[in-house]
């Protein structure tokens, strides 16, 4: 039978729980405050009465944000960029990682070095912008979809995962007459669902939160993602005429509560999706981290 826990172990367990609680509070409280402030009255927020729960509950800030004509179009653009862009990311990452995992490929070491080299050195923002301009991709949705089409880091993770799979699987498939495409589609990818889900989540979060290059590449207001609209609201305080008129007429919301409401609306989809992918996220991160 296990011996009783001594004082040192009790102190260690207490310290671990205490540290976890402090970290949880540190991480969760800013978001809780933001939600509470967005649902509180202007007077309560201005007088710093909001601490944990909404004070003088009102959803006026959300109503004002909903009147921002461009936000729903931008929301649809973001969903499109995230879904289609993540699929492109996964396709490019898998197609790059699979050949790099095969020792029989003569150019494997050279291509691996070139891939890793891009993690150390980049061409810079201005050359990239000029390249997109010379290709005629400015102010197009294609530019947003392909500017971050693949990540060298995730390619290396996928390559490590493919290398960890038994060679006997490929050998058996080749005996049956399967080629590389068949092996990839029918054997490797089905065995890689956990890591695919994890990396897809990474890519999706990056796509959803991205705004800098979208702001640089897109000029048409109808093609902008919601993060650019959020950046204008939070950083530049640029509000539409509908929002401005609501502020001056109703006097029930002010820019700070509107900013909080806009942030909550923008972050909500990812927060809702993450719990359903959490199990794949954890297992996938472990599968691709160490070569067996």
C-alpha atoms as a PDB file:
ATOM      1  CA  UNK A   1       0.000   0.000   0.000  1.00  0.00           C
ATOM      2  CA  UNK A   2       1.085   3.559  -0.655  1.00  0.00           C
ATOM      3  CA  UNK A   3       2.572   5.347   2.335  1.00  0.00           C
ATOM      4  CA  UNK A   4       1.007   8.497   3.715  1.00  0.00           C
ATOM      5  CA  UNK A   5       1.829  11.803   2.073  1.00  0.00           C
ATOM      6  CA  UNK A   6       4.472  13.635   4.063  1.00  0.00           C
ATOM      7  CA  UNK A   7       4.578  17.351   4.764  1.00  0.00           C
ATOM      8  CA  UNK A   8       6.926  18.066   1.854  1.00  0.00           C
ATOM      9  CA  UNK A   9       4.618  16.403  -0.667  1.00  0.00           C
ATOM     10  CA  UNK A  10       1.620  18.243   0.782  1.00  0.00           C
ATOM     11  CA  UNK A  11       3.425  21.563   0.414  1.00  0.00           C
ATOM     12  CA  UNK A  12       4.393  20.677  -3.153  1.00  0.00           C
ATOM     13  CA  UNK A  13       0.798  19.763  -4.073  1.00  0.00           C
ATOM     14  CA  UNK A  14      -0.489  22.938  -2.407  1.00  0.00           C
ATOM     15  CA  UNK A  15       2.035  25.041  -4.294  1.00  0.00           C
ATOM     16  CA  UNK A  16       1.065  23.417  -7.634  1.00  0.00           C
ATOM     17  CA  UNK A  17      -2.648  24.019  -7.077  1.00  0.00           C
ATOM     18  CA  UNK A  18      -1.988  27.555  -5.891  1.00  0.00           C
ATOM     19  CA  UNK A  19       0.113  28.299  -8.989  1.00  0.00           C
ATOM     20  CA  UNK A  20      -2.541  26.833 -11.295  1.00  0.00           C
ATOM     21  CA  UNK A  21      -5.266  28.914  -9.636  1.00  0.00           C
ATOM     22  CA  UNK A  22      -3.198  32.099  -9.925  1.00  0.00           C
ATOM     23  CA  UNK A  23      -2.483  31.404 -13.600  1.00  0.00           C
ATOM     24  CA  UNK A  24      -6.150  30.699 -14.323  1.00  0.00           C
ATOM     25  CA  UNK A  25      -7.200  33.938 -12.645  1.00  0.00           C
ATOM     26  CA  UNK A  26      -4.509  35.891 -14.490  1.00  0.00           C
ATOM     27  CA  UNK A  27      -5.587  34.467 -17.846  1.00  0.00           C
ATOM     28  CA  UNK A  28      -9.359  34.453 -17.380  1.00  0.00           C
ATOM     29  CA  UNK A  29      -9.968  37.683 -15.489  1.00  0.00           C
ATOM     30  CA  UNK A  30      -9.210  40.118 -18.357  1.00  0.00           C
ATOM     31  CA  UNK A  31     -11.711  38.301 -20.572  1.00  0.00           C
ATOM     32  CA  UNK A  32     -14.307  38.103 -17.778  1.00  0.00           C
ATOM     33  CA  UNK A  33     -13.893  41.821 -17.108  1.00  0.00           C
ATOM     34  CA  UNK A  34     -14.199  42.607 -20.809  1.00  0.00           C
ATOM     35  CA  UNK A  35     -17.478  40.673 -21.078  1.00  0.00           C
ATOM     36  CA  UNK A  36     -18.816  42.225 -17.871  1.00  0.00           C
ATOM     37  CA  UNK A  37     -17.875  45.751 -18.940  1.00  0.00           C
ATOM     38  CA  UNK A  38     -19.481  45.283 -22.345  1.00  0.00           C
ATOM     39  CA  UNK A  39     -22.731  44.336 -20.584  1.00  0.00           C
ATOM     40  CA  UNK A  40     -22.598  47.165 -18.046  1.00  0.00           C
ATOM     41  CA  UNK A  41     -23.871  50.719 -18.227  1.00  0.00           C
ATOM     42  CA  UNK A  42     -21.656  53.599 -19.245  1.00  0.00           C
ATOM     43  CA  UNK A  43     -21.847  55.132 -15.779  1.00  0.00           C
ATOM     44  CA  UNK A  44     -20.736  51.931 -14.059  1.00  0.00           C
ATOM     45  CA  UNK A  45     -17.736  51.487 -16.327  1.00  0.00           C
ATOM     46  CA  UNK A  46     -16.649  55.125 -16.104  1.00  0.00           C
ATOM     47  CA  UNK A  47     -16.810  55.000 -12.299  1.00  0.00           C
ATOM     48  CA  UNK A  48     -14.858  51.703 -12.201  1.00  0.00           C
ATOM     49  CA  UNK A  49     -17.686  49.845 -10.510  1.00  0.00           C
ATOM     50  CA  UNK A  50     -17.288  46.791 -12.744  1.00  0.00           C
ATOM     51  CA  UNK A  51     -15.018  44.220 -11.122  1.00  0.00           C
ATOM     52  CA  UNK A  52     -16.332  40.749 -11.878  1.00  0.00           C
ATOM     53  CA  UNK A  53     -20.037  40.881 -12.733  1.00  0.00           C
ATOM     54  CA  UNK A  54     -21.970  43.297 -14.994  1.00  0.00           C
ATOM     55  CA  UNK A  55     -23.258  46.366 -13.182  1.00  0.00           C
ATOM     56  CA  UNK A  56     -26.553  47.907 -14.343  1.00  0.00           C
ATOM     57  CA  UNK A  57     -26.906  45.257 -17.039  1.00  0.00           C
ATOM     58  CA  UNK A  58     -27.460  46.497 -20.594  1.00  0.00           C
ATOM     59  CA  UNK A  59     -26.740  45.127 -24.060  1.00  0.00           C
ATOM     60  CA  UNK A  60     -26.665  48.577 -25.676  1.00  0.00           C
ATOM     61  CA  UNK A  61     -23.027  48.242 -26.729  1.00  0.00           C
ATOM     62  CA  UNK A  62     -23.819  45.060 -28.676  1.00  0.00           C
ATOM     63  CA  UNK A  63     -26.773  46.773 -30.342  1.00  0.00           C
ATOM     64  CA  UNK A  64     -24.511  49.625 -31.426  1.00  0.00           C
ATOM     65  CA  UNK A  65     -21.882  47.228 -32.787  1.00  0.00           C
ATOM     66  CA  UNK A  66     -24.588  45.309 -34.658  1.00  0.00           C
ATOM     67  CA  UNK A  67     -25.547  48.579 -36.397  1.00  0.00           C
ATOM     68  CA  UNK A  68     -22.063  48.801 -37.881  1.00  0.00           C
ATOM     69  CA  UNK A  69     -23.004  47.967 -41.467  1.00  0.00           C
ATOM     70  CA  UNK A  70     -19.654  46.521 -42.479  1.00  0.00           C
ATOM     71  CA  UNK A  71     -19.081  44.211 -39.548  1.00  0.00           C
ATOM     72  CA  UNK A  72     -21.308  41.369 -40.771  1.00  0.00           C
ATOM     73  CA  UNK A  73     -19.811  41.469 -44.254  1.00  0.00           C
ATOM     74  CA  UNK A  74     -16.384  41.412 -42.648  1.00  0.00           C
ATOM     75  CA  UNK A  75     -17.495  38.493 -40.477  1.00  0.00           C
ATOM     76  CA  UNK A  76     -18.427  36.517 -43.580  1.00  0.00           C
ATOM     77  CA  UNK A  77     -15.088  37.396 -45.178  1.00  0.00           C
ATOM     78  CA  UNK A  78     -13.225  36.182 -42.104  1.00  0.00           C
ATOM     79  CA  UNK A  79     -15.104  32.878 -42.091  1.00  0.00           C
ATOM     80  CA  UNK A  80     -14.285  32.423 -45.779  1.00  0.00           C
ATOM     81  CA  UNK A  81     -10.603  33.287 -45.317  1.00  0.00           C
ATOM     82  CA  UNK A  82     -10.351  31.030 -42.271  1.00  0.00           C
ATOM     83  CA  UNK A  83     -12.076  27.945 -43.727  1.00  0.00           C
ATOM     84  CA  UNK A  84     -10.637  28.071 -47.247  1.00  0.00           C
ATOM     85  CA  UNK A  85      -7.266  29.328 -46.053  1.00  0.00           C
ATOM     86  CA  UNK A  86      -6.927  26.551 -43.474  1.00  0.00           C
ATOM     87  CA  UNK A  87      -7.702  23.921 -46.110  1.00  0.00           C
ATOM     88  CA  UNK A  88      -5.018  25.431 -48.339  1.00  0.00           C
ATOM     89  CA  UNK A  89      -2.588  25.474 -45.408  1.00  0.00           C
ATOM     90  CA  UNK A  90      -3.188  21.799 -44.640  1.00  0.00           C
ATOM     91  CA  UNK A  91      -2.883  20.762 -48.289  1.00  0.00           C
ATOM     92  CA  UNK A  92       0.412  22.595 -48.815  1.00  0.00           C
ATOM     93  CA  UNK A  93       1.817  21.449 -45.476  1.00  0.00           C
ATOM     94  CA  UNK A  94       1.037  17.773 -46.099  1.00  0.00           C
ATOM     95  CA  UNK A  95       2.306  17.862 -49.683  1.00  0.00           C
ATOM     96  CA  UNK A  96       5.559  19.418 -48.482  1.00  0.00           C
ATOM     97  CA  UNK A  97       6.027  17.182 -45.442  1.00  0.00           C
ATOM     98  CA  UNK A  98       5.366  13.802 -47.067  1.00  0.00           C
ATOM     99  CA  UNK A  99       8.262  13.800 -49.591  1.00  0.00           C
ATOM    100  CA  UNK A 100      10.594  15.304 -46.957  1.00  0.00           C
ATOM    101  CA  UNK A 101       9.897  12.306 -44.729  1.00  0.00           C
ATOM    102  CA  UNK A 102      11.175   9.826 -47.349  1.00  0.00           C
ATOM    103  CA  UNK A 103      14.880   9.011 -47.076  1.00  0.00           C
ATOM    104  CA  UNK A 104      14.906   7.629 -50.614  1.00  0.00           C
ATOM    105  CA  UNK A 105      14.374  11.122 -52.054  1.00  0.00           C
ATOM    106  CA  UNK A 106      17.792  12.379 -53.169  1.00  0.00           C
ATOM    107  CA  UNK A 107      17.037  16.092 -52.656  1.00  0.00           C
ATOM    108  CA  UNK A 108      15.621  15.550 -49.174  1.00  0.00           C
ATOM    109  CA  UNK A 109      18.495  17.145 -47.233  1.00  0.00           C
ATOM    110  CA  UNK A 110      18.823  20.109 -49.573  1.00  0.00           C
ATOM    111  CA  UNK A 111      15.093  20.856 -49.520  1.00  0.00           C
ATOM    112  CA  UNK A 112      14.983  20.441 -45.734  1.00  0.00           C
ATOM    113  CA  UNK A 113      17.785  22.988 -45.409  1.00  0.00           C
ATOM    114  CA  UNK A 114      15.985  25.431 -47.708  1.00  0.00           C
ATOM    115  CA  UNK A 115      12.816  24.957 -45.650  1.00  0.00           C
ATOM    116  CA  UNK A 116      14.580  25.590 -42.346  1.00  0.00           C
ATOM    117  CA  UNK A 117      16.469  28.539 -43.863  1.00  0.00           C
ATOM    118  CA  UNK A 118      13.158  30.361 -44.341  1.00  0.00           C
ATOM    119  CA  UNK A 119      12.589  30.143 -40.590  1.00  0.00           C
ATOM    120  CA  UNK A 120      15.815  32.082 -39.966  1.00  0.00           C
ATOM    121  CA  UNK A 121      15.726  34.631 -42.770  1.00  0.00           C
ATOM    122  CA  UNK A 122      12.871  36.258 -44.666  1.00  0.00           C
ATOM    123  CA  UNK A 123      12.638  38.559 -47.643  1.00  0.00           C
ATOM    124  CA  UNK A 124      11.001  41.338 -45.656  1.00  0.00           C
ATOM    125  CA  UNK A 125       7.696  43.136 -45.872  1.00  0.00           C
ATOM    126  CA  UNK A 126       8.483  45.545 -48.690  1.00  0.00           C
ATOM    127  CA  UNK A 127       9.806  42.891 -51.145  1.00  0.00           C
ATOM    128  CA  UNK A 128       6.806  40.698 -50.361  1.00  0.00           C
ATOM    129  CA  UNK A 129       4.391  43.575 -50.969  1.00  0.00           C
ATOM    130  CA  UNK A 130       6.113  44.450 -54.258  1.00  0.00           C
ATOM    131  CA  UNK A 131       5.969  40.801 -55.307  1.00  0.00           C
ATOM    132  CA  UNK A 132       2.231  40.675 -54.681  1.00  0.00           C
ATOM    133  CA  UNK A 133       1.827  43.951 -56.558  1.00  0.00           C
ATOM    134  CA  UNK A 134       3.817  42.739 -59.576  1.00  0.00           C
ATOM    135  CA  UNK A 135       1.711  39.570 -59.661  1.00  0.00           C
ATOM    136  CA  UNK A 136      -1.433  41.688 -59.787  1.00  0.00           C
ATOM    137  CA  UNK A 137      -2.790  40.191 -56.567  1.00  0.00           C
ATOM    138  CA  UNK A 138      -3.372  43.394 -54.622  1.00  0.00           C
ATOM    139  CA  UNK A 139      -6.954  43.946 -53.502  1.00  0.00           C
ATOM    140  CA  UNK A 140      -7.905  40.338 -54.237  1.00  0.00           C
ATOM    141  CA  UNK A 141      -9.101  37.521 -52.010  1.00  0.00           C
ATOM    142  CA  UNK A 142      -6.471  35.215 -53.521  1.00  0.00           C
ATOM    143  CA  UNK A 143      -3.735  37.368 -51.989  1.00  0.00           C
ATOM    144  CA  UNK A 144      -5.171  36.825 -48.506  1.00  0.00           C
ATOM    145  CA  UNK A 145      -5.467  33.081 -49.062  1.00  0.00           C
ATOM    146  CA  UNK A 146      -1.928  32.466 -50.340  1.00  0.00           C
ATOM    147  CA  UNK A 147       0.261  34.952 -48.458  1.00  0.00           C
ATOM    148  CA  UNK A 148       0.564  32.529 -45.522  1.00  0.00           C
ATOM    149  CA  UNK A 149      -0.150  29.315 -47.388  1.00  0.00           C
ATOM    150  CA  UNK A 150       2.406  27.214 -45.536  1.00  0.00           C
ATOM    151  CA  UNK A 151       4.438  27.344 -42.329  1.00  0.00           C
ATOM    152  CA  UNK A 152       7.900  25.771 -42.267  1.00  0.00           C
ATOM    153  CA  UNK A 153       7.484  24.951 -38.578  1.00  0.00           C
ATOM    154  CA  UNK A 154       4.307  22.939 -39.151  1.00  0.00           C
ATOM    155  CA  UNK A 155       5.884  21.198 -42.147  1.00  0.00           C
ATOM    156  CA  UNK A 156       8.666  19.977 -39.861  1.00  0.00           C
ATOM    157  CA  UNK A 157       6.127  18.734 -37.312  1.00  0.00           C
ATOM    158  CA  UNK A 158       4.217  16.869 -40.015  1.00  0.00           C
ATOM    159  CA  UNK A 159       7.449  15.466 -41.444  1.00  0.00           C
ATOM    160  CA  UNK A 160       8.416  14.145 -38.012  1.00  0.00           C
ATOM    161  CA  UNK A 161       5.010  12.516 -37.670  1.00  0.00           C
ATOM    162  CA  UNK A 162       5.258  10.816 -41.068  1.00  0.00           C
ATOM    163  CA  UNK A 163       8.726   9.565 -40.187  1.00  0.00           C
ATOM    164  CA  UNK A 164       7.374   8.021 -36.985  1.00  0.00           C
ATOM    165  CA  UNK A 165       4.895   5.830 -38.883  1.00  0.00           C
ATOM    166  CA  UNK A 166       6.095   2.249 -39.519  1.00  0.00           C
ATOM    167  CA  UNK A 167       7.771   1.674 -42.892  1.00  0.00           C
ATOM    168  CA  UNK A 168       5.951  -1.667 -43.096  1.00  0.00           C
ATOM    169  CA  UNK A 169       2.707   0.167 -43.890  1.00  0.00           C
ATOM    170  CA  UNK A 170       4.175   1.679 -47.030  1.00  0.00           C
ATOM    171  CA  UNK A 171       5.937  -1.546 -48.004  1.00  0.00           C
ATOM    172  CA  UNK A 172       2.699  -3.537 -47.723  1.00  0.00           C
ATOM    173  CA  UNK A 173       0.849  -0.968 -49.803  1.00  0.00           C
ATOM    174  CA  UNK A 174       3.493  -1.023 -52.518  1.00  0.00           C
ATOM    175  CA  UNK A 175       3.284  -4.810 -52.715  1.00  0.00           C
ATOM    176  CA  UNK A 176      -0.417  -4.316 -53.461  1.00  0.00           C
ATOM    177  CA  UNK A 177       0.481  -1.923 -56.260  1.00  0.00           C
ATOM    178  CA  UNK A 178      -0.199   1.405 -54.523  1.00  0.00           C
ATOM    179  CA  UNK A 179       1.729   4.509 -55.590  1.00  0.00           C
ATOM    180  CA  UNK A 180       2.770   7.485 -53.446  1.00  0.00           C
ATOM    181  CA  UNK A 181      -0.496   9.377 -53.953  1.00  0.00           C
ATOM    182  CA  UNK A 182      -2.568   6.354 -52.924  1.00  0.00           C
ATOM    183  CA  UNK A 183      -0.368   5.721 -49.895  1.00  0.00           C
ATOM    184  CA  UNK A 184      -0.645   9.348 -48.833  1.00  0.00           C
ATOM    185  CA  UNK A 185      -4.404   9.609 -49.298  1.00  0.00           C
ATOM    186  CA  UNK A 186      -5.481   6.198 -47.994  1.00  0.00           C
ATOM    187  CA  UNK A 187      -2.877   5.392 -45.339  1.00  0.00           C
ATOM    188  CA  UNK A 188      -0.895   8.400 -44.143  1.00  0.00           C
ATOM    189  CA  UNK A 189      -3.673  10.984 -43.934  1.00  0.00           C
ATOM    190  CA  UNK A 190      -6.204   8.705 -42.145  1.00  0.00           C
ATOM    191  CA  UNK A 191      -3.504   7.901 -39.567  1.00  0.00           C
ATOM    192  CA  UNK A 192      -2.748  11.597 -39.120  1.00  0.00           C
ATOM    193  CA  UNK A 193      -6.168  12.899 -38.091  1.00  0.00           C
ATOM    194  CA  UNK A 194      -5.137  13.988 -34.557  1.00  0.00           C
ATOM    195  CA  UNK A 195      -2.148  16.005 -35.727  1.00  0.00           C
ATOM    196  CA  UNK A 196      -4.145  17.364 -38.663  1.00  0.00           C
ATOM    197  CA  UNK A 197      -6.796  18.640 -36.253  1.00  0.00           C
ATOM    198  CA  UNK A 198      -4.171  20.227 -34.027  1.00  0.00           C
ATOM    199  CA  UNK A 199      -2.342  21.992 -36.838  1.00  0.00           C
ATOM    200  CA  UNK A 200      -5.638  22.979 -38.485  1.00  0.00           C
ATOM    201  CA  UNK A 201      -6.580  24.662 -35.211  1.00  0.00           C
ATOM    202  CA  UNK A 202      -3.251  26.510 -35.155  1.00  0.00           C
ATOM    203  CA  UNK A 203      -3.726  27.628 -38.732  1.00  0.00           C
ATOM    204  CA  UNK A 204      -7.370  28.603 -38.170  1.00  0.00           C
ATOM    205  CA  UNK A 205      -6.556  30.737 -35.131  1.00  0.00           C
ATOM    206  CA  UNK A 206      -3.790  32.436 -37.069  1.00  0.00           C
ATOM    207  CA  UNK A 207      -6.124  33.099 -39.988  1.00  0.00           C
ATOM    208  CA  UNK A 208      -8.918  34.341 -37.747  1.00  0.00           C
ATOM    209  CA  UNK A 209      -6.672  36.751 -35.824  1.00  0.00           C
ATOM    210  CA  UNK A 210      -4.664  38.001 -38.794  1.00  0.00           C
ATOM    211  CA  UNK A 211      -5.186  41.600 -39.835  1.00  0.00           C
ATOM    212  CA  UNK A 212      -1.844  43.220 -40.782  1.00  0.00           C
ATOM    213  CA  UNK A 213      -1.363  41.780 -44.269  1.00  0.00           C
ATOM    214  CA  UNK A 214      -5.094  41.907 -44.949  1.00  0.00           C
ATOM    215  CA  UNK A 215      -4.949  45.614 -44.134  1.00  0.00           C
ATOM    216  CA  UNK A 216      -1.924  46.059 -46.431  1.00  0.00           C
ATOM    217  CA  UNK A 217      -3.182  43.976 -49.363  1.00  0.00           C
ATOM    218  CA  UNK A 218      -6.907  44.785 -49.401  1.00  0.00           C
ATOM    219  CA  UNK A 219      -8.393  48.206 -50.139  1.00  0.00           C
ATOM    220  CA  UNK A 220     -11.954  47.199 -50.987  1.00  0.00           C
ATOM    221  CA  UNK A 221     -14.075  47.550 -47.851  1.00  0.00           C
ATOM    222  CA  UNK A 222     -16.256  44.628 -48.926  1.00  0.00           C
ATOM    223  CA  UNK A 223     -13.275  42.238 -48.843  1.00  0.00           C
ATOM    224  CA  UNK A 224     -11.845  43.185 -45.455  1.00  0.00           C
ATOM    225  CA  UNK A 225     -11.919  40.638 -42.589  1.00  0.00           C
ATOM    226  CA  UNK A 226     -13.482  41.438 -39.246  1.00  0.00           C
ATOM    227  CA  UNK A 227     -10.101  41.831 -37.538  1.00  0.00           C
ATOM    228  CA  UNK A 228      -9.342  44.907 -39.631  1.00  0.00           C
ATOM    229  CA  UNK A 229     -12.688  46.382 -38.619  1.00  0.00           C
ATOM    230  CA  UNK A 230     -11.897  45.531 -34.993  1.00  0.00           C
ATOM    231  CA  UNK A 231      -8.482  47.171 -35.330  1.00  0.00           C
ATOM    232  CA  UNK A 232     -10.127  50.358 -36.550  1.00  0.00           C
ATOM    233  CA  UNK A 233     -12.569  50.336 -33.657  1.00  0.00           C
ATOM    234  CA  UNK A 234     -10.092  49.471 -30.904  1.00  0.00           C
ATOM    235  CA  UNK A 235      -6.909  51.228 -32.070  1.00  0.00           C
ATOM    236  CA  UNK A 236      -8.079  54.057 -34.283  1.00  0.00           C
ATOM    237  CA  UNK A 237     -11.592  54.466 -32.817  1.00  0.00           C
ATOM    238  CA  UNK A 238     -12.974  54.726 -36.355  1.00  0.00           C
ATOM    239  CA  UNK A 239     -16.714  54.153 -36.153  1.00  0.00           C
ATOM    240  CA  UNK A 240     -19.340  54.272 -38.851  1.00  0.00           C
ATOM    241  CA  UNK A 241     -21.947  57.039 -39.014  1.00  0.00           C
ATOM    242  CA  UNK A 242     -24.539  54.670 -37.551  1.00  0.00           C
ATOM    243  CA  UNK A 243     -22.362  54.007 -34.513  1.00  0.00           C
ATOM    244  CA  UNK A 244     -21.470  57.662 -34.083  1.00  0.00           C
ATOM    245  CA  UNK A 245     -25.130  58.721 -34.225  1.00  0.00           C
ATOM    246  CA  UNK A 246     -26.076  56.034 -31.729  1.00  0.00           C
ATOM    247  CA  UNK A 247     -23.408  57.317 -29.348  1.00  0.00           C
ATOM    248  CA  UNK A 248     -24.537  60.934 -29.533  1.00  0.00           C
ATOM    249  CA  UNK A 249     -28.255  60.167 -29.468  1.00  0.00           C
ATOM    250  CA  UNK A 250     -28.651  57.429 -26.905  1.00  0.00           C
ATOM    251  CA  UNK A 251     -25.859  58.338 -24.478  1.00  0.00           C
ATOM    252  CA  UNK A 252     -26.107  54.759 -23.158  1.00  0.00           C
ATOM    253  CA  UNK A 253     -22.811  53.517 -24.564  1.00  0.00           C
ATOM    254  CA  UNK A 254     -19.411  55.061 -25.050  1.00  0.00           C
ATOM    255  CA  UNK A 255     -16.414  53.974 -27.127  1.00  0.00           C
ATOM    256  CA  UNK A 256     -14.857  51.790 -24.425  1.00  0.00           C
ATOM    257  CA  UNK A 257     -17.918  49.547 -23.973  1.00  0.00           C
ATOM    258  CA  UNK A 258     -18.305  49.347 -27.746  1.00  0.00           C
ATOM    259  CA  UNK A 259     -14.678  48.236 -28.058  1.00  0.00           C
ATOM    260  CA  UNK A 260     -15.245  45.535 -25.447  1.00  0.00           C
ATOM    261  CA  UNK A 261     -18.376  44.334 -27.233  1.00  0.00           C
ATOM    262  CA  UNK A 262     -16.581  44.228 -30.592  1.00  0.00           C
ATOM    263  CA  UNK A 263     -13.726  42.186 -29.110  1.00  0.00           C
ATOM    264  CA  UNK A 264     -16.147  39.693 -27.535  1.00  0.00           C
ATOM    265  CA  UNK A 265     -18.083  39.259 -30.779  1.00  0.00           C
ATOM    266  CA  UNK A 266     -14.854  38.708 -32.705  1.00  0.00           C
ATOM    267  CA  UNK A 267     -13.343  36.171 -30.285  1.00  0.00           C
ATOM    268  CA  UNK A 268     -16.544  34.215 -29.597  1.00  0.00           C
ATOM    269  CA  UNK A 269     -16.442  31.751 -32.569  1.00  0.00           C
ATOM    270  CA  UNK A 270     -12.937  30.475 -31.760  1.00  0.00           C
ATOM    271  CA  UNK A 271     -13.813  30.159 -28.084  1.00  0.00           C
ATOM    272  CA  UNK A 272     -16.899  28.098 -28.971  1.00  0.00           C
ATOM    273  CA  UNK A 273     -15.053  25.816 -31.418  1.00  0.00           C
ATOM    274  CA  UNK A 274     -11.977  25.095 -29.298  1.00  0.00           C
ATOM    275  CA  UNK A 275     -13.639  22.762 -26.716  1.00  0.00           C
ATOM    276  CA  UNK A 276     -14.729  20.399 -29.500  1.00  0.00           C
ATOM    277  CA  UNK A 277     -11.172  20.175 -30.880  1.00  0.00           C
ATOM    278  CA  UNK A 278      -9.332  20.129 -27.567  1.00  0.00           C
ATOM    279  CA  UNK A 279      -8.782  16.359 -27.470  1.00  0.00           C
ATOM    280  CA  UNK A 280      -7.275  16.411 -30.964  1.00  0.00           C
ATOM    281  CA  UNK A 281      -5.251  19.471 -30.052  1.00  0.00           C
ATOM    282  CA  UNK A 282      -3.549  17.775 -27.098  1.00  0.00           C
ATOM    283  CA  UNK A 283      -2.961  14.385 -28.731  1.00  0.00           C
ATOM    284  CA  UNK A 284      -1.892  15.915 -32.047  1.00  0.00           C
ATOM    285  CA  UNK A 285       0.651  18.190 -30.422  1.00  0.00           C
ATOM    286  CA  UNK A 286       2.253  15.188 -28.695  1.00  0.00           C
ATOM    287  CA  UNK A 287       2.194  12.960 -31.788  1.00  0.00           C
ATOM    288  CA  UNK A 288       4.203  15.368 -33.915  1.00  0.00           C
ATOM    289  CA  UNK A 289       6.586  16.599 -31.245  1.00  0.00           C
ATOM    290  CA  UNK A 290       8.969  13.654 -30.841  1.00  0.00           C
ATOM    291  CA  UNK A 291      10.244  11.143 -33.358  1.00  0.00           C
ATOM    292  CA  UNK A 292       9.947   7.590 -32.186  1.00  0.00           C
END
